[in-house]
Amino acid sequence: MEMKVKKLRENAVLPKSATKGSAGMDLYAAIENEIVLNPGERVLIPTGFAAEIPEGTAGFIFTRSGLGIKKGIHVTNGVGVVDSDYRGEIHVGLHNLSQEAYTIAPLERIAQMIIMPYFAVDVIEAEALDETDRGAGGFGSTGTK
């Protein structure tokens, strides 16, 4: 499968996998100067590129494990979703959940994107839903005591 990518900024680094077995492609900060992200702050970082994500798939943006575990820097909305019909610049929202300021450097790897298929469904209003053993049991309802 191929994905067309267009640079929108001169300093953009195209997404790429670190190893042959990497599921995610690293995304890089297409910024000119360092950005200090203080504890509790959020920032939107440009990647400098737009992509033609294959139809029937989406680009899911995840926190890089090194940034998340070691530095407390996470993708703001948990997981970002880039739809296949979006053609604008891809940005990454980052949130500093640590107690220390973190400096984002130009061209730093800030997140990872995985291209995955999704199921498009037609939503149909219904008067009733099929019964299951679980029923309407919510959080913790399937665990044992």
C-alpha atoms as a PDB file:
ATOM      1  CA  MET A   1       0.000   0.000   0.000  1.00  0.00           C
ATOM      2  CA  GLU A   2       1.250   3.461  -0.859  1.00  0.00           C
ATOM      3  CA  MET A   3       0.489   6.864   0.641  1.00  0.00           C
ATOM      4  CA  LYS A   4       1.192  10.095  -1.215  1.00  0.00           C
ATOM      5  CA  VAL A   5       2.758  12.804   0.962  1.00  0.00           C
ATOM      6  CA  LYS A   6       3.274  16.470   0.044  1.00  0.00           C
ATOM      7  CA  LYS A   7       5.742  18.724   1.847  1.00  0.00           C
ATOM      8  CA  LEU A   8       4.158  22.015   2.847  1.00  0.00           C
ATOM      9  CA  ARG A   9       7.143  23.425   4.711  1.00  0.00           C
ATOM     10  CA  GLU A  10      10.747  23.441   3.574  1.00  0.00           C
ATOM     11  CA  ASN A  11      12.003  21.836   6.796  1.00  0.00           C
ATOM     12  CA  ALA A  12       9.420  19.039   6.828  1.00  0.00           C
ATOM     13  CA  VAL A  13      10.600  15.465   7.350  1.00  0.00           C
ATOM     14  CA  LEU A  14       8.350  12.895   5.739  1.00  0.00           C
ATOM     15  CA  PRO A  15       6.921  10.274   8.091  1.00  0.00           C
ATOM     16  CA  LYS A  16       9.040   7.159   8.279  1.00  0.00           C
ATOM     17  CA  SER A  17       9.338   3.926  10.213  1.00  0.00           C
ATOM     18  CA  ALA A  18      12.425   3.516  12.401  1.00  0.00           C
ATOM     19  CA  THR A  19      12.738  -0.203  11.641  1.00  0.00           C
ATOM     20  CA  LYS A  20      11.274  -2.719   9.195  1.00  0.00           C
ATOM     21  CA  GLY A  21       9.015  -4.083  11.942  1.00  0.00           C
ATOM     22  CA  SER A  22       7.788  -0.706  13.254  1.00  0.00           C
ATOM     23  CA  ALA A  23       4.019  -0.341  13.066  1.00  0.00           C
ATOM     24  CA  GLY A  24       4.170   3.421  13.498  1.00  0.00           C
ATOM     25  CA  MET A  25       5.799   6.051  11.338  1.00  0.00           C
ATOM     26  CA  ASP A  26       7.588   8.783  13.250  1.00  0.00           C
ATOM     27  CA  LEU A  27       6.206  12.306  12.902  1.00  0.00           C
ATOM     28  CA  TYR A  28       8.614  15.236  13.205  1.00  0.00           C
ATOM     29  CA  ALA A  29       8.168  18.778  14.518  1.00  0.00           C
ATOM     30  CA  ALA A  30       8.384  21.127  11.520  1.00  0.00           C
ATOM     31  CA  ILE A  31       9.225  24.132  13.666  1.00  0.00           C
ATOM     32  CA  GLU A  32      11.930  26.767  13.221  1.00  0.00           C
ATOM     33  CA  ASN A  33      12.660  27.394  16.906  1.00  0.00           C
ATOM     34  CA  GLU A  34      12.448  25.409  20.127  1.00  0.00           C
ATOM     35  CA  ILE A  35       9.112  25.440  21.940  1.00  0.00           C
ATOM     36  CA  VAL A  36       9.036  25.171  25.726  1.00  0.00           C
ATOM     37  CA  LEU A  37       6.041  23.186  26.935  1.00  0.00           C
ATOM     38  CA  ASN A  38       5.476  23.925  30.616  1.00  0.00           C
ATOM     39  CA  PRO A  39       3.728  21.529  33.021  1.00  0.00           C
ATOM     40  CA  GLY A  40       0.020  21.318  32.213  1.00  0.00           C
ATOM     41  CA  GLU A  41       0.344  23.218  28.923  1.00  0.00           C
ATOM     42  CA  ARG A  42      -0.828  22.074  25.496  1.00  0.00           C
ATOM     43  CA  VAL A  43       0.565  23.015  22.109  1.00  0.00           C
ATOM     44  CA  LEU A  44      -0.240  22.254  18.465  1.00  0.00           C
ATOM     45  CA  ILE A  45       2.867  21.280  16.491  1.00  0.00           C
ATOM     46  CA  PRO A  46       2.947  21.290  12.665  1.00  0.00           C
ATOM     47  CA  THR A  47       4.472  18.332  10.834  1.00  0.00           C
ATOM     48  CA  GLY A  48       4.967  20.264   7.608  1.00  0.00           C
ATOM     49  CA  PHE A  49       3.216  17.776   5.346  1.00  0.00           C
ATOM     50  CA  ALA A  50      -0.180  16.736   4.029  1.00  0.00           C
ATOM     51  CA  ALA A  51      -1.040  13.174   3.072  1.00  0.00           C
ATOM     52  CA  GLU A  52      -3.380  11.248   0.817  1.00  0.00           C
ATOM     53  CA  ILE A  53      -4.313   8.511   3.241  1.00  0.00           C
ATOM     54  CA  PRO A  54      -5.703   5.470   1.397  1.00  0.00           C
ATOM     55  CA  GLU A  55      -9.495   5.220   1.271  1.00  0.00           C
ATOM     56  CA  GLY A  56     -10.899   2.816   3.864  1.00  0.00           C
ATOM     57  CA  THR A  57      -8.082   3.647   6.275  1.00  0.00           C
ATOM     58  CA  ALA A  58      -7.243   6.514   8.612  1.00  0.00           C
ATOM     59  CA  GLY A  59      -4.046   7.808  10.145  1.00  0.00           C
ATOM     60  CA  PHE A  60      -4.101   7.265  13.905  1.00  0.00           C
ATOM     61  CA  ILE A  61      -1.640   9.443  15.818  1.00  0.00           C
ATOM     62  CA  PHE A  62      -0.260   7.972  19.031  1.00  0.00           C
ATOM     63  CA  THR A  63       2.109   9.145  21.751  1.00  0.00           C
ATOM     64  CA  ARG A  64       5.704   8.008  21.282  1.00  0.00           C
ATOM     65  CA  SER A  65       6.424   5.654  24.174  1.00  0.00           C
ATOM     66  CA  GLY A  66       9.746   7.346  25.008  1.00  0.00           C
ATOM     67  CA  LEU A  67       8.143  10.783  25.307  1.00  0.00           C
ATOM     68  CA  GLY A  68       5.132   9.505  27.189  1.00  0.00           C
ATOM     69  CA  ILE A  69       6.869   7.255  29.700  1.00  0.00           C
ATOM     70  CA  LYS A  70      10.118   9.149  30.207  1.00  0.00           C
ATOM     71  CA  LYS A  71       8.957  12.766  29.824  1.00  0.00           C
ATOM     72  CA  GLY A  72       5.180  12.824  30.364  1.00  0.00           C
ATOM     73  CA  ILE A  73       4.528  14.295  26.904  1.00  0.00           C
ATOM     74  CA  HIS A  74       1.345  12.845  25.382  1.00  0.00           C
ATOM     75  CA  VAL A  75      -0.866  13.352  22.347  1.00  0.00           C
ATOM     76  CA  THR A  76      -3.481  15.804  23.633  1.00  0.00           C
ATOM     77  CA  ASN A  77      -6.630  13.992  22.562  1.00  0.00           C
ATOM     78  CA  GLY A  78      -5.406  10.485  23.474  1.00  0.00           C
ATOM     79  CA  VAL A  79      -5.279   9.342  19.865  1.00  0.00           C
ATOM     80  CA  GLY A  80      -5.464  11.705  16.923  1.00  0.00           C
ATOM     81  CA  VAL A  81      -7.432  10.673  13.858  1.00  0.00           C
ATOM     82  CA  VAL A  82      -6.599  11.856  10.337  1.00  0.00           C
ATOM     83  CA  ASP A  83      -9.386  10.991   7.902  1.00  0.00           C
ATOM     84  CA  SER A  84      -8.642   9.769   4.387  1.00  0.00           C
ATOM     85  CA  ASP A  85     -10.396  12.759   2.798  1.00  0.00           C
ATOM     86  CA  TYR A  86      -8.394  15.377   4.762  1.00  0.00           C
ATOM     87  CA  ARG A  87      -5.776  17.153   2.642  1.00  0.00           C
ATOM     88  CA  GLY A  88      -4.519  19.865   4.986  1.00  0.00           C
ATOM     89  CA  GLU A  89      -1.338  19.942   7.033  1.00  0.00           C
ATOM     90  CA  ILE A  90      -1.188  17.317   9.731  1.00  0.00           C
ATOM     91  CA  HIS A  91      -0.594  18.751  13.196  1.00  0.00           C
ATOM     92  CA  VAL A  92       0.032  16.999  16.501  1.00  0.00           C
ATOM     93  CA  GLY A  93      -1.420  18.281  19.760  1.00  0.00           C
ATOM     94  CA  LEU A  94       0.935  17.634  22.676  1.00  0.00           C
ATOM     95  CA  HIS A  95       0.204  17.936  26.412  1.00  0.00           C
ATOM     96  CA  ASN A  96       2.805  18.074  29.166  1.00  0.00           C
ATOM     97  CA  LEU A  97       1.488  15.884  31.978  1.00  0.00           C
ATOM     98  CA  SER A  98       4.754  16.025  33.926  1.00  0.00           C
ATOM     99  CA  GLN A  99       5.900  18.426  36.637  1.00  0.00           C
ATOM    100  CA  GLU A 100       8.825  19.707  34.536  1.00  0.00           C
ATOM    101  CA  ALA A 101       9.059  21.904  31.463  1.00  0.00           C
ATOM    102  CA  TYR A 102       9.937  20.085  28.252  1.00  0.00           C
ATOM    103  CA  THR A 103      11.640  21.682  25.241  1.00  0.00           C
ATOM    104  CA  ILE A 104      10.517  20.523  21.803  1.00  0.00           C
ATOM    105  CA  ALA A 105      13.373  20.876  19.334  1.00  0.00           C
ATOM    106  CA  PRO A 106      13.018  21.532  15.597  1.00  0.00           C
ATOM    107  CA  LEU A 107      12.729  18.236  13.683  1.00  0.00           C
ATOM    108  CA  GLU A 108      12.281  16.221  16.900  1.00  0.00           C
ATOM    109  CA  ARG A 109      10.215  13.045  16.656  1.00  0.00           C
ATOM    110  CA  ILE A 110       7.022  14.029  18.466  1.00  0.00           C
ATOM    111  CA  ALA A 111       4.488  11.262  17.777  1.00  0.00           C
ATOM    112  CA  GLN A 112       3.837   8.225  15.628  1.00  0.00           C
ATOM    113  CA  MET A 113       1.175   7.570  13.033  1.00  0.00           C
ATOM    114  CA  ILE A 114      -0.248   4.179  12.142  1.00  0.00           C
ATOM    115  CA  ILE A 115      -2.386   3.708   9.033  1.00  0.00           C
ATOM    116  CA  MET A 116      -5.228   1.332   9.915  1.00  0.00           C
ATOM    117  CA  PRO A 117      -8.486   0.230   8.325  1.00  0.00           C
ATOM    118  CA  TYR A 118     -11.800   1.151   9.900  1.00  0.00           C
ATOM    119  CA  PHE A 119     -15.372   0.020   9.441  1.00  0.00           C
ATOM    120  CA  ALA A 120     -17.844   2.581   8.118  1.00  0.00           C
ATOM    121  CA  VAL A 121     -21.318   1.769   9.410  1.00  0.00           C
ATOM    122  CA  ASP A 122     -24.796   3.030   8.639  1.00  0.00           C
ATOM    123  CA  VAL A 123     -26.449   4.112  11.902  1.00  0.00           C
ATOM    124  CA  ILE A 124     -30.019   2.839  12.152  1.00  0.00           C
ATOM    125  CA  GLU A 125     -32.333   3.954  14.937  1.00  0.00           C
ATOM    126  CA  ALA A 126     -33.984   0.975  16.639  1.00  0.00           C
ATOM    127  CA  GLU A 127     -36.735   0.538  19.230  1.00  0.00           C
ATOM    128  CA  ALA A 128     -34.860  -2.373  20.845  1.00  0.00           C
ATOM    129  CA  LEU A 129     -31.438  -3.989  20.809  1.00  0.00           C
ATOM    130  CA  ASP A 130     -30.599  -7.710  20.850  1.00  0.00           C
ATOM    131  CA  GLU A 131     -30.152  -9.134  24.363  1.00  0.00           C
ATOM    132  CA  THR A 132     -26.737 -10.341  25.600  1.00  0.00           C
ATOM    133  CA  ASP A 133     -25.502 -12.051  28.777  1.00  0.00           C
ATOM    134  CA  ARG A 134     -23.917  -8.787  29.895  1.00  0.00           C
ATOM    135  CA  GLY A 135     -26.879  -6.574  29.112  1.00  0.00           C
ATOM    136  CA  ALA A 136     -26.423  -2.979  30.259  1.00  0.00           C
ATOM    137  CA  GLY A 137     -23.695  -3.831  32.806  1.00  0.00           C
ATOM    138  CA  GLY A 138     -21.094  -1.071  32.730  1.00  0.00           C
ATOM    139  CA  PHE A 139     -17.632  -0.435  34.139  1.00  0.00           C
ATOM    140  CA  GLY A 140     -16.340  -3.426  36.069  1.00  0.00           C
ATOM    141  CA  SER A 141     -19.463  -5.484  35.476  1.00  0.00           C
ATOM    142  CA  THR A 142     -17.621  -8.396  33.859  1.00  0.00           C
ATOM    143  CA  GLY A 143     -14.855  -8.693  36.476  1.00  0.00           C
ATOM    144  CA  THR A 144     -14.786 -11.125  39.358  1.00  0.00           C
ATOM    145  CA  LYS A 145     -14.833 -10.092  43.010  1.00  0.00           C
END
